[in-house]
Amino acid sequence: MLLELTQLVSPYKSSCAERVVAYFAKAMISRVMNSWLGVCSPLIDHRTIHSALQVFNNISPFIKFSHFTSNQAILEAVNRCNDIHIIDLDIMQGLQWPAFFHILATRMEGRPKVRMTGMGASMELLVETGKNLSNFARRLGLCLEFYPIACKFGEVVDISMLQIRPNETLAVHWLQHSLYDSTGPDWKTLRLLEELEPRIITLVEQDVNIGGSFLDRFVGSLHYYSTLFDSLGSYLHSDDANRNIVEHNLLSKEINNILAIGGPKRSGEEKFRLWRNELVASNSFEQVLMSSNSMAQAQLILNMFSPAHGYSLSQVDGMLRLGWKDTSLYTASSWTCTTSR
């Protein structure tokens, strides 16, 4: 059936449904091959992914939504603080931080000292990101100390690796994605967050199930990515180069990771379905309601797109949700450690 599907569908046809089926068939073939060969780790070209993320940032509101709502929540949490430490659990190119630095550099109470710990898989790319952010901060007159860690957050053996200082206000940012496992074991990540006791955790989650049984992942991701492909296809032509870059270099890799790589039977560990539920259940964190300013930031982003494109924004239970038509695709929330109140 998979062989027949690959002959019937194409990722470049005008039909969004056909494009989705093509990528799902490819992921299922990968799953079959992995089962035979015993290979479960994806080969990741981080530079290609980072380039595609920049394109995605330009053609849709989802990445901007993640960046600006999180920045606003962190700014409110570190208001009037003079020493700020931000840990980005998967910093990539650090696209969101220049706008954050600009606001810090112009705040009325003066410029703070900022330390940033950027985590990721490639030390080369982390050093490059650190240099770019440091140069930008220097032009603003902002004191930035960047510390790269080429390690998954959940695989940090000793908290001393993160060089936490007692006088700093600690913020943790996590823009989740399904491209690859960026943090390692979920239960270890949760325990380390509890140990850090940050003032604020900003969490942006894709509203797609990456845990649980294969059938749950398949059905949930089929609905999710059908909606996401439809959102791009609603205003971009089928032969649009940017759309093809995003679908091929980002979305198809997420689909492959969820179906062929992700999940307890393939990665050897249980992944949380929704992190926001786990933060509540831990009793170590409580939700910080996303403010009206965060909502205003998100609305400004949506105003860049015509209402005819079908994007929708809502505030539910203190969280901000950005979706397409009636389907939520990204949810932004913020949290504080109960001992940091």
C-alpha atoms as a PDB file:
ATOM      1  CA  MET A   1       0.000   0.000   0.000  1.00  0.00           C
ATOM      2  CA  LEU A   2       2.858   2.388   0.791  1.00  0.00           C
ATOM      3  CA  LEU A   3       4.521   1.685  -2.538  1.00  0.00           C
ATOM      4  CA  GLU A   4       1.246   2.354  -4.306  1.00  0.00           C
ATOM      5  CA  LEU A   5       0.743   5.598  -2.390  1.00  0.00           C
ATOM      6  CA  THR A   6       4.176   6.909  -3.340  1.00  0.00           C
ATOM      7  CA  GLN A   7       3.271   6.412  -7.006  1.00  0.00           C
ATOM      8  CA  LEU A   8      -0.107   8.134  -6.681  1.00  0.00           C
ATOM      9  CA  VAL A   9       0.782  11.232  -4.672  1.00  0.00           C
ATOM     10  CA  SER A  10       3.343  14.022  -4.852  1.00  0.00           C
ATOM     11  CA  PRO A  11       4.494  16.659  -2.336  1.00  0.00           C
ATOM     12  CA  TYR A  12       4.356  19.275  -5.104  1.00  0.00           C
ATOM     13  CA  LYS A  13       0.744  18.915  -6.272  1.00  0.00           C
ATOM     14  CA  SER A  14      -1.840  21.681  -5.813  1.00  0.00           C
ATOM     15  CA  SER A  15      -3.913  19.575  -3.417  1.00  0.00           C
ATOM     16  CA  CYS A  16      -2.848  20.101   0.215  1.00  0.00           C
ATOM     17  CA  ALA A  17      -4.288  16.698   1.113  1.00  0.00           C
ATOM     18  CA  GLU A  18      -2.145  14.990  -1.516  1.00  0.00           C
ATOM     19  CA  ARG A  19       0.988  16.759  -0.266  1.00  0.00           C
ATOM     20  CA  VAL A  20       0.257  15.636   3.303  1.00  0.00           C
ATOM     21  CA  VAL A  21      -0.332  12.030   2.212  1.00  0.00           C
ATOM     22  CA  ALA A  22       2.969  12.067   0.307  1.00  0.00           C
ATOM     23  CA  TYR A  23       4.931  13.076   3.404  1.00  0.00           C
ATOM     24  CA  PHE A  24       3.023  10.677   5.665  1.00  0.00           C
ATOM     25  CA  ALA A  25       3.723   7.819   3.248  1.00  0.00           C
ATOM     26  CA  LYS A  26       7.411   8.765   3.247  1.00  0.00           C
ATOM     27  CA  ALA A  27       7.462   8.740   7.064  1.00  0.00           C
ATOM     28  CA  MET A  28       5.758   5.335   7.176  1.00  0.00           C
ATOM     29  CA  ILE A  29       8.331   3.914   4.771  1.00  0.00           C
ATOM     30  CA  SER A  30      11.029   5.291   7.041  1.00  0.00           C
ATOM     31  CA  ARG A  31       9.335   3.604  10.016  1.00  0.00           C
ATOM     32  CA  VAL A  32       9.275   0.258   8.205  1.00  0.00           C
ATOM     33  CA  MET A  33      12.948   0.580   7.258  1.00  0.00           C
ATOM     34  CA  ASN A  34      13.873   1.555  10.816  1.00  0.00           C
ATOM     35  CA  SER A  35      12.061  -1.530  12.107  1.00  0.00           C
ATOM     36  CA  TRP A  36      14.096  -3.757   9.801  1.00  0.00           C
ATOM     37  CA  LEU A  37      17.447  -2.068  10.304  1.00  0.00           C
ATOM     38  CA  GLY A  38      17.079  -1.094  13.942  1.00  0.00           C
ATOM     39  CA  VAL A  39      17.989   2.533  13.173  1.00  0.00           C
ATOM     40  CA  CYS A  40      15.964   5.093  15.113  1.00  0.00           C
ATOM     41  CA  SER A  41      18.139   8.219  15.216  1.00  0.00           C
ATOM     42  CA  PRO A  42      17.406  10.806  12.517  1.00  0.00           C
ATOM     43  CA  LEU A  43      20.220  12.463  10.587  1.00  0.00           C
ATOM     44  CA  ILE A  44      19.821  16.186  11.276  1.00  0.00           C
ATOM     45  CA  ASP A  45      21.184  18.966   9.084  1.00  0.00           C
ATOM     46  CA  HIS A  46      20.876  21.868  11.527  1.00  0.00           C
ATOM     47  CA  ARG A  47      21.912  24.540   9.016  1.00  0.00           C
ATOM     48  CA  THR A  48      19.169  23.477   6.590  1.00  0.00           C
ATOM     49  CA  ILE A  49      16.631  23.442   9.427  1.00  0.00           C
ATOM     50  CA  HIS A  50      17.690  26.879  10.660  1.00  0.00           C
ATOM     51  CA  SER A  51      17.451  28.309   7.146  1.00  0.00           C
ATOM     52  CA  ALA A  52      13.977  26.821   6.699  1.00  0.00           C
ATOM     53  CA  LEU A  53      12.871  28.226  10.066  1.00  0.00           C
ATOM     54  CA  GLN A  54      13.811  31.702   8.881  1.00  0.00           C
ATOM     55  CA  VAL A  55      11.636  31.186   5.813  1.00  0.00           C
ATOM     56  CA  PHE A  56       8.779  29.893   7.985  1.00  0.00           C
ATOM     57  CA  ASN A  57       9.167  32.968  10.167  1.00  0.00           C
ATOM     58  CA  ASN A  58       8.723  35.169   7.098  1.00  0.00           C
ATOM     59  CA  ILE A  59       5.666  33.511   5.574  1.00  0.00           C
ATOM     60  CA  SER A  60       3.527  32.638   8.614  1.00  0.00           C
ATOM     61  CA  PRO A  61       2.769  34.109  12.056  1.00  0.00           C
ATOM     62  CA  PHE A  62       3.576  31.006  14.109  1.00  0.00           C
ATOM     63  CA  ILE A  63       7.267  31.611  14.854  1.00  0.00           C
ATOM     64  CA  LYS A  64       6.757  35.327  15.490  1.00  0.00           C
ATOM     65  CA  PHE A  65       3.866  34.466  17.813  1.00  0.00           C
ATOM     66  CA  SER A  66       6.149  32.162  19.786  1.00  0.00           C
ATOM     67  CA  HIS A  67       8.922  34.734  20.042  1.00  0.00           C
ATOM     68  CA  PHE A  68       6.989  37.885  20.889  1.00  0.00           C
ATOM     69  CA  THR A  69       4.560  36.393  23.405  1.00  0.00           C
ATOM     70  CA  SER A  70       7.443  34.687  25.240  1.00  0.00           C
ATOM     71  CA  ASN A  71       9.549  37.855  25.189  1.00  0.00           C
ATOM     72  CA  GLN A  72       6.696  39.846  26.707  1.00  0.00           C
ATOM     73  CA  ALA A  73       6.175  37.304  29.498  1.00  0.00           C
ATOM     74  CA  ILE A  74       9.883  37.282  30.343  1.00  0.00           C
ATOM     75  CA  LEU A  75      10.087  41.084  30.286  1.00  0.00           C
ATOM     76  CA  GLU A  76       7.249  41.321  32.793  1.00  0.00           C
ATOM     77  CA  ALA A  77       8.864  38.707  35.046  1.00  0.00           C
ATOM     78  CA  VAL A  78      12.302  40.383  35.103  1.00  0.00           C
ATOM     79  CA  ASN A  79      10.984  43.944  35.393  1.00  0.00           C
ATOM     80  CA  ARG A  80      13.447  46.146  37.369  1.00  0.00           C
ATOM     81  CA  CYS A  81      15.919  43.268  37.744  1.00  0.00           C
ATOM     82  CA  ASN A  82      19.561  44.238  37.176  1.00  0.00           C
ATOM     83  CA  ASP A  83      21.068  40.776  36.660  1.00  0.00           C
ATOM     84  CA  ILE A  84      19.190  38.453  34.322  1.00  0.00           C
ATOM     85  CA  HIS A  85      20.087  34.905  33.294  1.00  0.00           C
ATOM     86  CA  ILE A  86      18.166  33.305  30.425  1.00  0.00           C
ATOM     87  CA  ILE A  87      18.454  29.611  29.605  1.00  0.00           C
ATOM     88  CA  ASP A  88      17.181  28.788  26.117  1.00  0.00           C
ATOM     89  CA  LEU A  89      16.685  25.025  25.920  1.00  0.00           C
ATOM     90  CA  ASP A  90      17.113  24.957  22.116  1.00  0.00           C
ATOM     91  CA  ILE A  91      18.376  28.336  20.973  1.00  0.00           C
ATOM     92  CA  MET A  92      19.076  27.521  17.300  1.00  0.00           C
ATOM     93  CA  GLN A  93      19.896  30.908  15.689  1.00  0.00           C
ATOM     94  CA  GLY A  94      18.449  32.943  18.533  1.00  0.00           C
ATOM     95  CA  LEU A  95      16.041  34.778  16.218  1.00  0.00           C
ATOM     96  CA  GLN A  96      13.817  36.017  19.028  1.00  0.00           C
ATOM     97  CA  TRP A  97      16.438  37.621  21.235  1.00  0.00           C
ATOM     98  CA  PRO A  98      17.473  40.785  19.299  1.00  0.00           C
ATOM     99  CA  ALA A  99      13.994  42.276  19.824  1.00  0.00           C
ATOM    100  CA  PHE A 100      14.198  41.338  23.517  1.00  0.00           C
ATOM    101  CA  PHE A 101      17.635  42.958  23.862  1.00  0.00           C
ATOM    102  CA  HIS A 102      16.407  46.126  22.198  1.00  0.00           C
ATOM    103  CA  ILE A 103      13.666  46.569  24.805  1.00  0.00           C
ATOM    104  CA  LEU A 104      16.094  45.889  27.670  1.00  0.00           C
ATOM    105  CA  ALA A 105      18.553  48.432  26.276  1.00  0.00           C
ATOM    106  CA  THR A 106      15.912  51.168  26.191  1.00  0.00           C
ATOM    107  CA  ARG A 107      14.089  50.561  29.457  1.00  0.00           C
ATOM    108  CA  MET A 108      13.729  53.586  31.730  1.00  0.00           C
ATOM    109  CA  GLU A 109      15.350  52.035  34.810  1.00  0.00           C
ATOM    110  CA  GLY A 110      18.588  51.384  32.904  1.00  0.00           C
ATOM    111  CA  ARG A 111      20.253  48.517  31.105  1.00  0.00           C
ATOM    112  CA  PRO A 112      20.630  45.249  33.045  1.00  0.00           C
ATOM    113  CA  LYS A 113      23.465  42.745  32.841  1.00  0.00           C
ATOM    114  CA  VAL A 114      22.343  39.734  30.838  1.00  0.00           C
ATOM    115  CA  ARG A 115      23.744  36.230  30.804  1.00  0.00           C
ATOM    116  CA  MET A 116      22.406  33.770  28.284  1.00  0.00           C
ATOM    117  CA  THR A 117      22.930  30.023  28.255  1.00  0.00           C
ATOM    118  CA  GLY A 118      22.196  28.658  24.803  1.00  0.00           C
ATOM    119  CA  MET A 119      21.702  24.920  24.468  1.00  0.00           C
ATOM    120  CA  GLY A 120      21.793  22.893  21.263  1.00  0.00           C
ATOM    121  CA  ALA A 121      23.385  19.977  19.443  1.00  0.00           C
ATOM    122  CA  SER A 122      26.199  21.729  17.568  1.00  0.00           C
ATOM    123  CA  MET A 123      28.897  23.688  19.414  1.00  0.00           C
ATOM    124  CA  GLU A 124      29.932  25.300  16.115  1.00  0.00           C
ATOM    125  CA  LEU A 125      26.445  26.705  15.533  1.00  0.00           C
ATOM    126  CA  LEU A 126      26.064  27.712  19.178  1.00  0.00           C
ATOM    127  CA  VAL A 127      29.304  29.703  19.078  1.00  0.00           C
ATOM    128  CA  GLU A 128      28.174  31.357  15.851  1.00  0.00           C
ATOM    129  CA  THR A 129      24.816  32.274  17.413  1.00  0.00           C
ATOM    130  CA  GLY A 130      26.574  33.611  20.515  1.00  0.00           C
ATOM    131  CA  LYS A 131      28.840  35.851  18.447  1.00  0.00           C
ATOM    132  CA  ASN A 132      25.909  37.259  16.479  1.00  0.00           C
ATOM    133  CA  LEU A 133      23.867  37.987  19.612  1.00  0.00           C
ATOM    134  CA  SER A 134      26.853  39.455  21.455  1.00  0.00           C
ATOM    135  CA  ASN A 135      27.656  41.766  18.548  1.00  0.00           C
ATOM    136  CA  PHE A 136      24.041  42.916  18.388  1.00  0.00           C
ATOM    137  CA  ALA A 137      23.911  43.528  22.141  1.00  0.00           C
ATOM    138  CA  ARG A 138      27.187  45.455  22.014  1.00  0.00           C
ATOM    139  CA  ARG A 139      25.767  47.825  19.401  1.00  0.00           C
ATOM    140  CA  LEU A 140      22.890  48.519  21.787  1.00  0.00           C
ATOM    141  CA  GLY A 141      25.256  49.162  24.688  1.00  0.00           C
ATOM    142  CA  LEU A 142      23.947  46.067  26.479  1.00  0.00           C
ATOM    143  CA  CYS A 143      26.272  43.865  28.522  1.00  0.00           C
ATOM    144  CA  LEU A 144      25.728  40.268  27.349  1.00  0.00           C
ATOM    145  CA  GLU A 145      27.617  37.176  28.446  1.00  0.00           C
ATOM    146  CA  PHE A 146      26.826  34.158  26.255  1.00  0.00           C
ATOM    147  CA  TYR A 147      27.552  30.613  27.383  1.00  0.00           C
ATOM    148  CA  PRO A 148      27.058  27.759  24.859  1.00  0.00           C
ATOM    149  CA  ILE A 149      26.319  24.199  25.998  1.00  0.00           C
ATOM    150  CA  ALA A 150      26.271  21.514  23.311  1.00  0.00           C
ATOM    151  CA  CYS A 151      24.108  19.184  25.354  1.00  0.00           C
ATOM    152  CA  LYS A 152      20.452  18.333  25.831  1.00  0.00           C
ATOM    153  CA  PHE A 153      18.944  19.945  28.913  1.00  0.00           C
ATOM    154  CA  GLY A 154      17.630  16.629  30.243  1.00  0.00           C
ATOM    155  CA  GLU A 155      21.112  15.131  29.945  1.00  0.00           C
ATOM    156  CA  VAL A 156      22.811  17.720  32.178  1.00  0.00           C
ATOM    157  CA  VAL A 157      24.556  15.597  34.796  1.00  0.00           C
ATOM    158  CA  ASP A 158      25.421  18.363  37.250  1.00  0.00           C
ATOM    159  CA  ILE A 159      23.517  21.617  37.711  1.00  0.00           C
ATOM    160  CA  SER A 160      26.870  23.388  38.073  1.00  0.00           C
ATOM    161  CA  MET A 161      27.196  23.095  34.273  1.00  0.00           C
ATOM    162  CA  LEU A 162      24.582  25.852  34.032  1.00  0.00           C
ATOM    163  CA  GLN A 163      26.637  28.219  36.213  1.00  0.00           C
ATOM    164  CA  ILE A 164      23.704  29.578  38.199  1.00  0.00           C
ATOM    165  CA  ARG A 165      24.561  32.667  40.273  1.00  0.00           C
ATOM    166  CA  PRO A 166      22.572  33.576  43.397  1.00  0.00           C
ATOM    167  CA  ASN A 167      22.089  37.254  42.528  1.00  0.00           C
ATOM    168  CA  GLU A 168      20.525  36.625  39.116  1.00  0.00           C
ATOM    169  CA  THR A 169      16.888  36.421  38.107  1.00  0.00           C
ATOM    170  CA  LEU A 170      16.557  33.171  36.165  1.00  0.00           C
ATOM    171  CA  ALA A 171      14.280  32.732  33.136  1.00  0.00           C
ATOM    172  CA  VAL A 172      13.923  29.516  31.126  1.00  0.00           C
ATOM    173  CA  HIS A 173      12.570  29.551  27.579  1.00  0.00           C
ATOM    174  CA  TRP A 174      11.451  26.527  25.600  1.00  0.00           C
ATOM    175  CA  LEU A 175      10.031  26.708  22.093  1.00  0.00           C
ATOM    176  CA  GLN A 176       9.067  23.101  21.516  1.00  0.00           C
ATOM    177  CA  HIS A 177       9.012  21.490  18.103  1.00  0.00           C
ATOM    178  CA  SER A 178       8.741  18.018  16.627  1.00  0.00           C
ATOM    179  CA  LEU A 179      11.856  18.160  14.442  1.00  0.00           C
ATOM    180  CA  TYR A 180      13.955  16.143  16.876  1.00  0.00           C
ATOM    181  CA  ASP A 181      14.238  15.479  20.594  1.00  0.00           C
ATOM    182  CA  SER A 182      15.922  18.688  21.789  1.00  0.00           C
ATOM    183  CA  THR A 183      15.827  18.106  25.564  1.00  0.00           C
ATOM    184  CA  GLY A 184      16.327  14.388  26.193  1.00  0.00           C
ATOM    185  CA  PRO A 185      14.370  12.469  28.846  1.00  0.00           C
ATOM    186  CA  ASP A 186      11.264  14.423  29.832  1.00  0.00           C
ATOM    187  CA  TRP A 187      11.266  13.302  33.480  1.00  0.00           C
ATOM    188  CA  LYS A 188      14.901  14.427  33.881  1.00  0.00           C
ATOM    189  CA  THR A 189      14.076  17.773  32.258  1.00  0.00           C
ATOM    190  CA  LEU A 190      11.229  18.272  34.728  1.00  0.00           C
ATOM    191  CA  ARG A 191      13.413  17.390  37.729  1.00  0.00           C
ATOM    192  CA  LEU A 192      16.121  19.819  36.609  1.00  0.00           C
ATOM    193  CA  LEU A 193      13.585  22.613  36.173  1.00  0.00           C
ATOM    194  CA  GLU A 194      12.378  21.959  39.711  1.00  0.00           C
ATOM    195  CA  GLU A 195      15.941  22.124  40.987  1.00  0.00           C
ATOM    196  CA  LEU A 196      16.632  25.411  39.174  1.00  0.00           C
ATOM    197  CA  GLU A 197      13.548  27.158  40.645  1.00  0.00           C
ATOM    198  CA  PRO A 198      13.352  29.783  37.856  1.00  0.00           C
ATOM    199  CA  ARG A 199      11.407  33.009  38.213  1.00  0.00           C
ATOM    200  CA  ILE A 200       9.696  32.331  34.875  1.00  0.00           C
ATOM    201  CA  ILE A 201       9.381  29.491  32.362  1.00  0.00           C
ATOM    202  CA  THR A 202       8.000  30.413  28.964  1.00  0.00           C
ATOM    203  CA  LEU A 203       6.670  27.407  27.092  1.00  0.00           C
ATOM    204  CA  VAL A 204       5.391  27.293  23.518  1.00  0.00           C
ATOM    205  CA  GLU A 205       3.949  23.933  22.504  1.00  0.00           C
ATOM    206  CA  GLN A 206       2.706  22.575  19.228  1.00  0.00           C
ATOM    207  CA  ASP A 207      -0.790  21.222  19.766  1.00  0.00           C
ATOM    208  CA  VAL A 208       0.109  17.817  18.372  1.00  0.00           C
ATOM    209  CA  ASN A 209       0.524  14.578  20.292  1.00  0.00           C
ATOM    210  CA  ILE A 210       4.120  13.314  20.264  1.00  0.00           C
ATOM    211  CA  GLY A 211       3.664  10.798  23.095  1.00  0.00           C
ATOM    212  CA  GLY A 212       1.522   7.760  23.658  1.00  0.00           C
ATOM    213  CA  SER A 213       0.712   4.949  21.257  1.00  0.00           C
ATOM    214  CA  PHE A 214       1.575   4.987  17.571  1.00  0.00           C
ATOM    215  CA  LEU A 215      -2.113   5.115  16.598  1.00  0.00           C
ATOM    216  CA  ASP A 216      -2.680   8.177  18.782  1.00  0.00           C
ATOM    217  CA  ARG A 217       0.344   9.897  17.242  1.00  0.00           C
ATOM    218  CA  PHE A 218      -0.725   8.990  13.715  1.00  0.00           C
ATOM    219  CA  VAL A 219      -4.329  10.218  14.022  1.00  0.00           C
ATOM    220  CA  GLY A 220      -3.388  13.368  15.943  1.00  0.00           C
ATOM    221  CA  SER A 221      -0.546  14.361  13.651  1.00  0.00           C
ATOM    222  CA  LEU A 222      -2.629  13.689  10.518  1.00  0.00           C
ATOM    223  CA  HIS A 223      -5.235  16.177  11.737  1.00  0.00           C
ATOM    224  CA  TYR A 224      -2.603  18.673  12.884  1.00  0.00           C
ATOM    225  CA  TYR A 225      -0.472  18.705   9.732  1.00  0.00           C
ATOM    226  CA  SER A 226      -3.466  18.640   7.412  1.00  0.00           C
ATOM    227  CA  THR A 227      -4.530  21.890   9.068  1.00  0.00           C
ATOM    228  CA  LEU A 228      -1.020  23.365   8.937  1.00  0.00           C
ATOM    229  CA  PHE A 229      -0.607  22.488   5.250  1.00  0.00           C
ATOM    230  CA  ASP A 230      -4.047  23.959   4.535  1.00  0.00           C
ATOM    231  CA  SER A 231      -3.052  27.198   6.288  1.00  0.00           C
ATOM    232  CA  LEU A 232      -0.032  27.601   4.005  1.00  0.00           C
ATOM    233  CA  GLY A 233      -1.951  26.527   0.922  1.00  0.00           C
ATOM    234  CA  SER A 234      -4.699  29.077   1.573  1.00  0.00           C
ATOM    235  CA  TYR A 235      -2.543  31.950   0.300  1.00  0.00           C
ATOM    236  CA  LEU A 236       0.632  30.450  -1.194  1.00  0.00           C
ATOM    237  CA  HIS A 237       0.657  28.803  -4.622  1.00  0.00           C
ATOM    238  CA  SER A 238       1.602  25.157  -4.918  1.00  0.00           C
ATOM    239  CA  ASP A 239       4.833  26.069  -6.707  1.00  0.00           C
ATOM    240  CA  ASP A 240       5.821  28.793  -4.232  1.00  0.00           C
ATOM    241  CA  ALA A 241       9.509  28.219  -3.425  1.00  0.00           C
ATOM    242  CA  ASN A 242       9.238  29.312   0.209  1.00  0.00           C
ATOM    243  CA  ARG A 243       6.248  27.081   0.843  1.00  0.00           C
ATOM    244  CA  ASN A 244       8.096  24.091  -0.601  1.00  0.00           C
ATOM    245  CA  ILE A 245      11.163  24.834   1.564  1.00  0.00           C
ATOM    246  CA  VAL A 246       9.057  24.898   4.731  1.00  0.00           C
ATOM    247  CA  GLU A 247       7.073  21.782   3.865  1.00  0.00           C
ATOM    248  CA  HIS A 248      10.105  19.774   2.756  1.00  0.00           C
ATOM    249  CA  ASN A 249      12.762  20.907   5.238  1.00  0.00           C
ATOM    250  CA  LEU A 250      10.586  21.431   8.323  1.00  0.00           C
ATOM    251  CA  LEU A 251       7.118  19.927   8.306  1.00  0.00           C
ATOM    252  CA  SER A 252       8.044  16.664   6.603  1.00  0.00           C
ATOM    253  CA  LYS A 253      10.888  16.181   9.094  1.00  0.00           C
ATOM    254  CA  GLU A 254       8.480  16.758  11.994  1.00  0.00           C
ATOM    255  CA  ILE A 255       6.085  14.184  10.558  1.00  0.00           C
ATOM    256  CA  ASN A 256       8.943  11.708  10.138  1.00  0.00           C
ATOM    257  CA  ASN A 257      10.142  12.262  13.699  1.00  0.00           C
ATOM    258  CA  ILE A 258       6.684  11.750  15.196  1.00  0.00           C
ATOM    259  CA  LEU A 259       5.859   8.611  13.192  1.00  0.00           C
ATOM    260  CA  ALA A 260       9.180   6.952  12.422  1.00  0.00           C
ATOM    261  CA  ILE A 261      11.345   8.112  15.329  1.00  0.00           C
ATOM    262  CA  GLY A 262       9.288   9.557  18.193  1.00  0.00           C
ATOM    263  CA  GLY A 263       7.382   7.727  20.880  1.00  0.00           C
ATOM    264  CA  PRO A 264       8.343   5.325  23.664  1.00  0.00           C
ATOM    265  CA  LYS A 265       8.723   2.251  21.489  1.00  0.00           C
ATOM    266  CA  ARG A 266      11.133   3.992  19.133  1.00  0.00           C
ATOM    267  CA  SER A 267      13.172   6.283  21.397  1.00  0.00           C
ATOM    268  CA  GLY A 268      13.219   4.027  24.448  1.00  0.00           C
ATOM    269  CA  GLU A 269      11.579   6.573  26.733  1.00  0.00           C
ATOM    270  CA  GLU A 270       8.114   7.854  27.522  1.00  0.00           C
ATOM    271  CA  LYS A 271       7.423  11.382  26.239  1.00  0.00           C
ATOM    272  CA  PHE A 272       4.925  13.700  27.899  1.00  0.00           C
ATOM    273  CA  ARG A 273       1.783  14.376  25.881  1.00  0.00           C
ATOM    274  CA  LEU A 274       1.381  17.953  27.119  1.00  0.00           C
ATOM    275  CA  TRP A 275       4.084  19.628  29.138  1.00  0.00           C
ATOM    276  CA  ARG A 276       1.718  22.199  30.611  1.00  0.00           C
ATOM    277  CA  ASN A 277      -0.240  19.371  32.261  1.00  0.00           C
ATOM    278  CA  GLU A 278       2.963  17.929  33.722  1.00  0.00           C
ATOM    279  CA  LEU A 279       3.985  21.298  35.182  1.00  0.00           C
ATOM    280  CA  VAL A 280       0.635  21.501  36.976  1.00  0.00           C
ATOM    281  CA  ALA A 281       0.822  17.906  38.195  1.00  0.00           C
ATOM    282  CA  SER A 282       4.323  18.359  39.611  1.00  0.00           C
ATOM    283  CA  ASN A 283       3.044  20.815  42.272  1.00  0.00           C
ATOM    284  CA  SER A 284       6.350  22.690  41.883  1.00  0.00           C
ATOM    285  CA  PHE A 285       5.022  25.218  39.363  1.00  0.00           C
ATOM    286  CA  GLU A 286       2.020  27.422  38.957  1.00  0.00           C
ATOM    287  CA  GLN A 287       0.754  29.129  35.866  1.00  0.00           C
ATOM    288  CA  VAL A 288       1.313  32.835  35.262  1.00  0.00           C
ATOM    289  CA  LEU A 289      -1.546  34.229  33.208  1.00  0.00           C
ATOM    290  CA  MET A 290      -0.454  35.668  29.883  1.00  0.00           C
ATOM    291  CA  SER A 291      -1.035  39.404  30.140  1.00  0.00           C
ATOM    292  CA  SER A 292      -3.043  41.770  27.978  1.00  0.00           C
ATOM    293  CA  ASN A 293       0.299  43.044  26.624  1.00  0.00           C
ATOM    294  CA  SER A 294       1.161  39.549  25.410  1.00  0.00           C
ATOM    295  CA  MET A 295      -2.242  39.343  23.748  1.00  0.00           C
ATOM    296  CA  ALA A 296      -1.625  42.727  22.124  1.00  0.00           C
ATOM    297  CA  GLN A 297       1.759  41.533  20.823  1.00  0.00           C
ATOM    298  CA  ALA A 298       0.149  38.452  19.306  1.00  0.00           C
ATOM    299  CA  GLN A 299      -2.625  40.531  17.742  1.00  0.00           C
ATOM    300  CA  LEU A 300      -0.074  42.879  16.150  1.00  0.00           C
ATOM    301  CA  ILE A 301       1.548  39.868  14.523  1.00  0.00           C
ATOM    302  CA  LEU A 302      -1.789  38.651  13.153  1.00  0.00           C
ATOM    303  CA  ASN A 303      -2.498  42.116  11.784  1.00  0.00           C
ATOM    304  CA  MET A 304       0.384  41.527   9.369  1.00  0.00           C
ATOM    305  CA  PHE A 305      -1.774  38.893   7.672  1.00  0.00           C
ATOM    306  CA  SER A 306      -5.097  39.324   5.933  1.00  0.00           C
ATOM    307  CA  PRO A 307      -8.145  38.019   7.872  1.00  0.00           C
ATOM    308  CA  ALA A 308      -8.892  36.014   4.747  1.00  0.00           C
ATOM    309  CA  HIS A 309      -5.882  33.812   5.545  1.00  0.00           C
ATOM    310  CA  GLY A 310      -7.921  32.263   8.352  1.00  0.00           C
ATOM    311  CA  TYR A 311      -5.580  32.605  11.331  1.00  0.00           C
ATOM    312  CA  SER A 312      -7.279  32.756  14.725  1.00  0.00           C
ATOM    313  CA  LEU A 313      -6.096  33.962  18.141  1.00  0.00           C
ATOM    314  CA  SER A 314      -7.696  33.181  21.479  1.00  0.00           C
ATOM    315  CA  GLN A 315      -6.963  33.395  25.195  1.00  0.00           C
ATOM    316  CA  VAL A 316      -8.003  30.232  27.041  1.00  0.00           C
ATOM    317  CA  ASP A 317      -7.324  29.498  30.715  1.00  0.00           C
ATOM    318  CA  GLY A 318      -4.578  32.120  30.830  1.00  0.00           C
ATOM    319  CA  MET A 319      -2.809  30.740  27.752  1.00  0.00           C
ATOM    320  CA  LEU A 320      -2.616  32.187  24.244  1.00  0.00           C
ATOM    321  CA  ARG A 321      -3.535  29.972  21.329  1.00  0.00           C
ATOM    322  CA  LEU A 322      -2.801  30.626  17.676  1.00  0.00           C
ATOM    323  CA  GLY A 323      -4.472  28.451  15.111  1.00  0.00           C
ATOM    324  CA  TRP A 324      -6.045  28.258  11.719  1.00  0.00           C
ATOM    325  CA  LYS A 325      -9.820  28.492  11.543  1.00  0.00           C
ATOM    326  CA  ASP A 326     -11.136  26.307  14.404  1.00  0.00           C
ATOM    327  CA  THR A 327      -7.969  24.285  15.056  1.00  0.00           C
ATOM    328  CA  SER A 328      -5.375  25.365  17.628  1.00  0.00           C
ATOM    329  CA  LEU A 329      -1.811  24.847  16.381  1.00  0.00           C
ATOM    330  CA  TYR A 330       0.464  26.620  18.891  1.00  0.00           C
ATOM    331  CA  THR A 331      -0.114  27.382  22.579  1.00  0.00           C
ATOM    332  CA  ALA A 332       1.999  29.824  24.611  1.00  0.00           C
ATOM    333  CA  SER A 333       1.994  29.699  28.400  1.00  0.00           C
ATOM    334  CA  SER A 334       4.214  30.912  31.234  1.00  0.00           C
ATOM    335  CA  TRP A 335       4.978  29.390  34.622  1.00  0.00           C
ATOM    336  CA  THR A 336       6.777  30.203  37.832  1.00  0.00           C
ATOM    337  CA  CYS A 337       8.292  28.002  40.479  1.00  0.00           C
ATOM    338  CA  THR A 338       6.153  28.043  43.621  1.00  0.00           C
ATOM    339  CA  THR A 339       9.226  28.901  45.715  1.00  0.00           C
ATOM    340  CA  SER A 340      10.045  31.915  43.484  1.00  0.00           C
ATOM    341  CA  ARG A 341       6.814  33.810  44.153  1.00  0.00           C
END
